[in-house]
Amino acid sequence: MHRTNFAAMACHCEVVLAGVSDGEATAAAREAIAEVARIETKYSRYRADSLLSRINAQAGGEPVACDDETLMLLEFADTLHRASEGLFDITAGVLRRAWNFKQPRVPSADEMAPLLRLIGWPRVQRQGAFVRLPEPGMEIDFGGFGKEYAADRAGALLAARGLAHGYVNLGGDMRVIGPKPDGAPWMMGIQHPRRPGQLLATLPVVRGGLATSGDYERYFEIDGVRYCHILDPRSGMPASHWQTISVLAPVAVAAGNLSTIAMLKAGAAIDFLEAASVPYLALNQAGQLHRRDRRTASETARATVSAT
């Protein structure tokens, strides 16, 4: 087994390959890592020269020309917005201006109000290859599916090279290209959200995407109440019903958006995940575990084919 560790998208990442020579594994991993870096450079909100930063800088001004990849991702964002009834909204990143999860402070209603008025994916103007944010201060952010998209693209490149055993792991968002050489699944540990260093469960994965959303990566607590970074675009407040939700799906972008939307669905999450017919593992705030282990055909692939 060949494991290549690297840092990207503010997290620990790795490419794990098996059944190939050292030289082939090194070359393949280098190509996969370069693809992750390309996507981060192009879409990072932290880079002033990224395409998304240029679109956001033009909010209220002139439209910005986009390439086919970006237009595809914007169409995917539109699909997610409609499928989630507005819960998945890539214009909701403006809420970061009110929430700082390094400081334990809940923003006031007066702070949130002007930001909530800037949220609204249907207001984003798309005409041909051009995209425009109609109001100054608006922004779009691919953070809700950027890592998963990069994992899928890196995995697709590995598969295109003929590799059949291994996976890409971007901070827990994973794309598995195939089982171990003997056909056995990879055993993927799911972190316990309240017990650092311990696993909540171990899931066998042969191929596909695995992603986890939870309230334990970026959060603070005040008077025993936990406030996490997964924010509802309607209220501006954090999701609070679930500690963690992991989803297995045909591709990582499907797993990622399903887990995030389920976190925001609160008490309706299980019905939502059951309707999607995907395996999942969900732990609520009361410590009750819900899971579906049987892998079935899922409609989640229909909006994510282009990511493979």
Protein backbone atom coordinates (compact mmCIF):
# COMPACT_ATOMS: atom_id res chain seq x y z
CA MET A 1 0.00 0.00 0.00
CA HIS A 2 1.28 3.46 -0.90
CA ARG A 3 0.16 6.45 1.18
CA THR A 4 0.96 10.02 0.13
CA ASN A 5 0.11 12.72 2.69
CA PHE A 6 -0.32 16.36 1.76
CA ALA A 7 -2.04 19.53 2.94
CA ALA A 8 -4.80 21.27 0.95
CA MET A 9 -8.01 23.19 1.57
CA ALA A 10 -6.97 23.84 5.19
CA CYS A 11 -6.97 20.15 6.12
CA HIS A 12 -4.88 17.00 6.19
CA CYS A 13 -5.22 14.99 2.98
CA GLU A 14 -3.97 11.70 1.60
CA VAL A 15 -3.92 9.55 -1.51
CA VAL A 16 -3.84 5.82 -0.76
CA LEU A 17 -3.12 3.36 -3.57
CA ALA A 18 -2.56 -0.39 -3.64
CA GLY A 19 -1.66 -3.04 -6.19
CA VAL A 20 0.75 -0.85 -8.16
CA SER A 21 4.51 -0.22 -8.20
CA ASP A 22 6.17 2.54 -6.21
CA GLY A 23 6.85 4.54 -9.34
CA GLU A 24 3.31 4.27 -10.66
CA ALA A 25 1.83 5.15 -7.27
CA THR A 26 4.09 8.20 -6.94
CA ALA A 27 3.24 9.50 -10.41
CA ALA A 28 -0.49 8.91 -9.97
CA ALA A 29 -0.57 10.54 -6.54
CA ARG A 30 1.31 13.56 -7.88
CA GLU A 31 -1.29 14.00 -10.62
CA ALA A 32 -4.19 13.67 -8.17
CA ILE A 33 -2.64 16.19 -5.77
CA ALA A 34 -2.06 18.64 -8.63
CA GLU A 35 -5.76 18.42 -9.51
CA VAL A 36 -6.77 19.19 -5.93
CA ALA A 37 -4.39 22.18 -5.94
CA ARG A 38 -5.82 23.40 -9.24
CA ILE A 39 -9.36 23.38 -7.90
CA GLU A 40 -8.35 25.08 -4.65
CA THR A 41 -6.48 27.82 -6.55
CA LYS A 42 -9.40 28.39 -8.88
CA TYR A 43 -12.20 28.48 -6.32
CA SER A 44 -10.73 29.39 -2.93
CA ARG A 45 -12.45 32.29 -1.22
CA TYR A 46 -9.15 33.04 0.53
CA ARG A 47 -7.31 33.89 -2.70
CA ALA A 48 -7.89 37.31 -4.21
CA ASP A 49 -6.96 35.95 -7.64
CA SER A 50 -9.43 33.04 -7.63
CA LEU A 51 -12.36 33.05 -10.01
CA LEU A 52 -14.89 33.15 -7.18
CA SER A 53 -13.10 36.11 -5.60
CA ARG A 54 -13.29 37.96 -8.91
CA ILE A 55 -17.02 37.24 -9.19
CA ASN A 56 -17.59 38.41 -5.62
CA ALA A 57 -15.49 41.55 -6.13
CA GLN A 58 -17.82 42.50 -9.00
CA ALA A 59 -21.01 42.18 -6.89
CA GLY A 60 -23.34 44.98 -7.91
CA GLY A 61 -21.22 45.68 -10.97
CA GLU A 62 -20.37 44.00 -14.25
CA PRO A 63 -20.95 40.30 -15.00
CA VAL A 64 -17.96 37.95 -15.05
CA ALA A 65 -17.27 35.41 -17.80
CA CYS A 66 -16.99 31.81 -16.58
CA ASP A 67 -15.64 28.64 -18.15
CA ASP A 68 -17.56 25.40 -18.61
CA GLU A 69 -16.37 23.85 -15.35
CA THR A 70 -17.58 26.82 -13.33
CA LEU A 71 -20.89 26.95 -15.16
CA MET A 72 -21.37 23.24 -14.42
CA LEU A 73 -20.72 23.83 -10.71
CA LEU A 74 -23.13 26.75 -10.65
CA GLU A 75 -25.78 24.55 -12.25
CA PHE A 76 -25.04 21.93 -9.60
CA ALA A 77 -25.52 24.59 -6.92
CA ASP A 78 -28.87 25.42 -8.49
CA THR A 79 -29.88 21.76 -8.36
CA LEU A 80 -28.90 21.54 -4.70
CA HIS A 81 -30.82 24.70 -3.85
CA ARG A 82 -33.99 23.36 -5.42
CA ALA A 83 -33.60 19.83 -4.02
CA SER A 84 -33.05 21.18 -0.50
CA GLU A 85 -35.88 23.73 -0.69
CA GLY A 86 -33.36 26.52 -0.19
CA LEU A 87 -31.36 25.01 2.67
CA PHE A 88 -28.25 24.61 0.51
CA ASP A 89 -27.47 28.12 -0.70
CA ILE A 90 -24.01 29.08 -1.95
CA THR A 91 -24.74 32.79 -1.29
CA ALA A 92 -24.96 32.13 2.47
CA GLY A 93 -21.21 32.54 3.00
CA VAL A 94 -21.83 36.17 3.96
CA LEU A 95 -22.89 34.88 7.38
CA ARG A 96 -19.19 34.41 8.17
CA ARG A 97 -19.06 38.17 8.66
CA ALA A 98 -21.21 37.74 11.79
CA TRP A 99 -19.96 34.38 13.06
CA ASN A 100 -16.37 33.86 14.19
CA PHE A 101 -15.97 30.38 15.61
CA LYS A 102 -12.65 31.26 17.20
CA GLN A 103 -14.51 33.63 19.52
CA PRO A 104 -17.50 32.53 21.65
CA ARG A 105 -20.04 35.19 20.76
CA VAL A 106 -23.52 34.88 19.26
CA PRO A 107 -24.23 37.75 16.84
CA SER A 108 -27.23 39.95 17.50
CA ALA A 109 -30.33 40.10 15.34
CA ASP A 110 -29.25 43.57 14.20
CA GLU A 111 -25.94 42.14 12.96
CA MET A 112 -27.62 39.29 11.14
CA ALA A 113 -30.42 41.20 9.44
CA PRO A 114 -28.39 42.98 6.73
CA LEU A 115 -26.51 39.76 5.96
CA LEU A 116 -29.67 37.70 5.62
CA ARG A 117 -30.89 40.24 3.08
CA LEU A 118 -27.84 39.44 0.92
CA ILE A 119 -28.64 35.72 0.80
CA GLY A 120 -30.65 34.31 -2.09
CA TRP A 121 -29.32 32.04 -4.80
CA PRO A 122 -32.30 32.71 -7.12
CA ARG A 123 -31.17 36.35 -7.33
CA VAL A 124 -27.84 35.40 -8.93
CA GLN A 125 -27.98 36.32 -12.61
CA ARG A 126 -26.73 33.75 -15.12
CA GLN A 127 -26.86 34.44 -18.83
CA GLY A 128 -24.84 32.28 -21.17
CA ALA A 129 -21.26 32.17 -19.88
CA PHE A 130 -21.72 35.24 -17.68
CA VAL A 131 -22.53 35.44 -13.97
CA ARG A 132 -23.46 38.52 -11.98
CA LEU A 133 -24.26 39.18 -8.34
CA PRO A 134 -26.84 41.97 -8.45
CA GLU A 135 -26.19 43.60 -5.07
CA PRO A 136 -22.96 44.91 -3.52
CA GLY A 137 -21.88 42.70 -0.66
CA MET A 138 -23.31 39.51 -2.12
CA GLU A 139 -20.97 36.58 -2.65
CA ILE A 140 -20.92 32.97 -3.74
CA ASP A 141 -18.90 30.27 -2.05
CA PHE A 142 -18.21 26.69 -3.16
CA GLY A 143 -17.15 25.66 0.34
CA GLY A 144 -20.25 23.50 0.66
CA PHE A 145 -19.04 21.08 -2.00
CA GLY A 146 -15.54 22.17 -3.03
CA LYS A 147 -13.59 19.50 -1.16
CA GLU A 148 -15.94 16.76 -2.31
CA TYR A 149 -15.69 17.93 -5.91
CA ALA A 150 -11.90 17.94 -5.68
CA ALA A 151 -11.91 14.43 -4.20
CA ASP A 152 -14.11 13.21 -7.06
CA ARG A 153 -11.94 14.83 -9.70
CA ALA A 154 -8.75 13.42 -8.16
CA GLY A 155 -10.35 9.98 -7.95
CA ALA A 156 -11.47 10.20 -11.56
CA LEU A 157 -7.92 10.95 -12.68
CA LEU A 158 -6.62 7.93 -10.78
CA ALA A 159 -9.26 5.70 -12.33
CA ALA A 160 -8.44 7.08 -15.79
CA ARG A 161 -4.86 5.91 -15.29
CA GLY A 162 -6.19 2.39 -14.79
CA LEU A 163 -5.79 2.30 -11.02
CA ALA A 164 -8.48 0.19 -9.37
CA HIS A 165 -7.53 0.02 -5.68
CA GLY A 166 -7.39 3.01 -3.39
CA TYR A 167 -8.95 6.27 -2.34
CA VAL A 168 -8.55 10.02 -1.99
CA ASN A 169 -9.19 11.53 1.44
CA LEU A 170 -9.54 15.31 1.78
CA GLY A 171 -10.05 15.97 5.46
CA GLY A 172 -12.61 13.18 5.79
CA ASP A 173 -14.35 13.78 2.46
CA MET A 174 -13.46 10.69 0.48
CA ARG A 175 -13.66 9.18 -2.98
CA VAL A 176 -12.92 5.45 -3.08
CA ILE A 177 -11.94 4.21 -6.55
CA GLY A 178 -12.02 0.52 -5.71
CA PRO A 179 -11.47 -2.14 -3.02
CA LYS A 180 -8.22 -3.57 -1.73
CA PRO A 181 -6.44 -5.85 -4.23
CA ASP A 182 -7.99 -8.94 -2.58
CA GLY A 183 -11.49 -7.48 -3.00
CA ALA A 184 -11.91 -6.55 0.65
CA PRO A 185 -13.44 -3.16 1.46
CA TRP A 186 -11.53 -0.29 2.98
CA MET A 187 -12.59 0.17 6.62
CA MET A 188 -13.25 3.87 7.15
CA GLY A 189 -13.43 5.19 10.70
CA ILE A 190 -16.02 7.80 11.64
CA GLN A 191 -14.80 10.11 14.39
CA HIS A 192 -16.85 10.25 17.56
CA PRO A 193 -18.11 13.84 17.82
CA ARG A 194 -17.70 14.05 21.60
CA ARG A 195 -14.76 11.74 22.30
CA PRO A 196 -11.55 12.94 20.62
CA GLY A 197 -9.43 10.09 19.37
CA GLN A 198 -12.28 7.57 19.47
CA LEU A 199 -14.39 6.20 16.65
CA LEU A 200 -18.15 6.27 16.53
CA ALA A 201 -18.21 3.51 13.92
CA THR A 202 -16.21 1.86 11.16
CA LEU A 203 -17.80 1.65 7.72
CA PRO A 204 -16.73 -0.77 4.96
CA VAL A 205 -16.42 1.02 1.61
CA VAL A 206 -15.63 -0.65 -1.72
CA ARG A 207 -16.14 2.36 -3.97
CA GLY A 208 -18.00 5.65 -4.08
CA GLY A 209 -18.08 8.75 -1.89
CA LEU A 210 -18.11 9.12 1.88
CA ALA A 211 -18.61 12.45 3.65
CA THR A 212 -19.38 13.57 7.19
CA SER A 213 -20.95 16.77 8.49
CA GLY A 214 -20.97 17.54 12.19
CA ASP A 215 -20.96 20.10 14.97
CA TYR A 216 -17.50 19.27 16.34
CA GLU A 217 -14.95 20.70 13.89
CA ARG A 218 -15.65 24.43 14.18
CA TYR A 219 -17.80 25.46 17.10
CA PHE A 220 -17.96 27.20 20.46
CA GLU A 221 -20.13 26.74 23.53
CA ILE A 222 -21.90 29.31 25.70
CA ASP A 223 -23.85 28.27 28.80
CA GLY A 224 -23.83 24.66 27.65
CA VAL A 225 -25.19 25.45 24.18
CA ARG A 226 -23.04 24.44 21.19
CA TYR A 227 -22.93 26.72 18.14
CA CYS A 228 -21.38 25.09 15.04
CA HIS A 229 -20.32 26.39 11.62
CA ILE A 230 -23.19 24.76 9.66
CA LEU A 231 -25.53 27.73 9.29
CA ASP A 232 -29.16 27.84 8.17
CA PRO A 233 -29.45 30.42 5.35
CA ARG A 234 -33.01 31.26 6.42
CA SER A 235 -32.27 32.22 10.02
CA GLY A 236 -28.50 32.58 10.05
CA MET A 237 -28.35 30.27 13.07
CA PRO A 238 -26.33 27.05 13.40
CA ALA A 239 -27.74 23.58 12.92
CA SER A 240 -28.37 22.08 16.35
CA HIS A 241 -30.31 18.80 16.08
CA TRP A 242 -27.48 16.43 15.10
CA GLN A 243 -23.98 15.82 16.42
CA THR A 244 -22.82 14.16 13.21
CA ILE A 245 -24.16 12.66 9.98
CA SER A 246 -22.12 10.50 7.59
CA VAL A 247 -23.39 9.46 4.17
CA LEU A 248 -22.21 6.96 1.55
CA ALA A 249 -23.16 7.80 -2.04
CA PRO A 250 -21.99 7.07 -5.59
CA VAL A 251 -19.71 10.12 -5.56
CA ALA A 252 -18.30 12.39 -2.87
CA VAL A 253 -20.25 15.50 -3.89
CA ALA A 254 -23.50 13.59 -3.40
CA ALA A 255 -22.40 12.28 -0.01
CA GLY A 256 -21.30 15.75 1.07
CA ASN A 257 -24.40 17.66 0.09
CA LEU A 258 -26.71 14.98 1.51
CA SER A 259 -24.95 15.05 4.89
CA THR A 260 -24.96 18.85 5.05
CA ILE A 261 -28.59 19.20 3.99
CA ALA A 262 -29.55 16.50 6.50
CA MET A 263 -27.84 18.45 9.29
CA LEU A 264 -30.01 21.45 8.38
CA LYS A 265 -33.16 19.35 8.02
CA ALA A 266 -33.09 18.76 11.79
CA GLY A 267 -35.90 16.37 12.77
CA ALA A 268 -36.79 15.71 9.13
CA ALA A 269 -33.27 14.45 8.29
CA ILE A 270 -33.97 10.73 8.56
CA ASP A 271 -36.95 10.88 6.23
CA PHE A 272 -34.82 12.92 3.82
CA LEU A 273 -31.98 10.38 3.86
CA GLU A 274 -34.33 7.42 3.58
CA ALA A 275 -35.94 9.03 0.54
CA ALA A 276 -32.48 9.31 -1.01
CA SER A 277 -31.93 5.55 -0.44
CA VAL A 278 -28.33 5.96 0.71
CA PRO A 279 -26.46 4.35 3.58
CA TYR A 280 -26.01 6.78 6.47
CA LEU A 281 -24.96 7.04 10.10
CA ALA A 282 -26.50 9.83 12.19
CA LEU A 283 -26.11 10.69 15.88
CA ASN A 284 -28.49 13.22 17.41
CA GLN A 285 -27.90 15.50 20.39
CA ALA A 286 -29.56 12.98 22.73
CA GLY A 287 -26.97 10.38 21.73
CA GLN A 288 -29.40 8.26 19.69
CA LEU A 289 -27.82 6.55 16.69
CA HIS A 290 -29.68 6.13 13.41
CA ARG A 291 -28.23 4.17 10.51
CA ARG A 292 -29.01 2.57 7.19
CA ASP A 293 -26.50 -0.02 6.03
CA ARG A 294 -28.05 -1.47 2.89
CA ARG A 295 -26.70 0.15 -0.28
CA THR A 296 -29.45 0.71 -2.82
CA ALA A 297 -29.83 2.53 -6.10
CA SER A 298 -29.97 6.26 -5.45
CA GLU A 299 -31.12 9.24 -7.41
CA THR A 300 -28.27 11.27 -5.89
CA ALA A 301 -26.06 10.42 -8.84
CA ARG A 302 -28.23 12.22 -11.35
CA ALA A 303 -26.99 15.70 -10.45
CA THR A 304 -23.40 14.65 -9.92
CA VAL A 305 -22.47 12.71 -13.04
CA SER A 306 -20.35 15.56 -14.33
CA ALA A 307 -18.20 15.46 -11.20
CA THR A 308 -16.94 11.98 -12.01
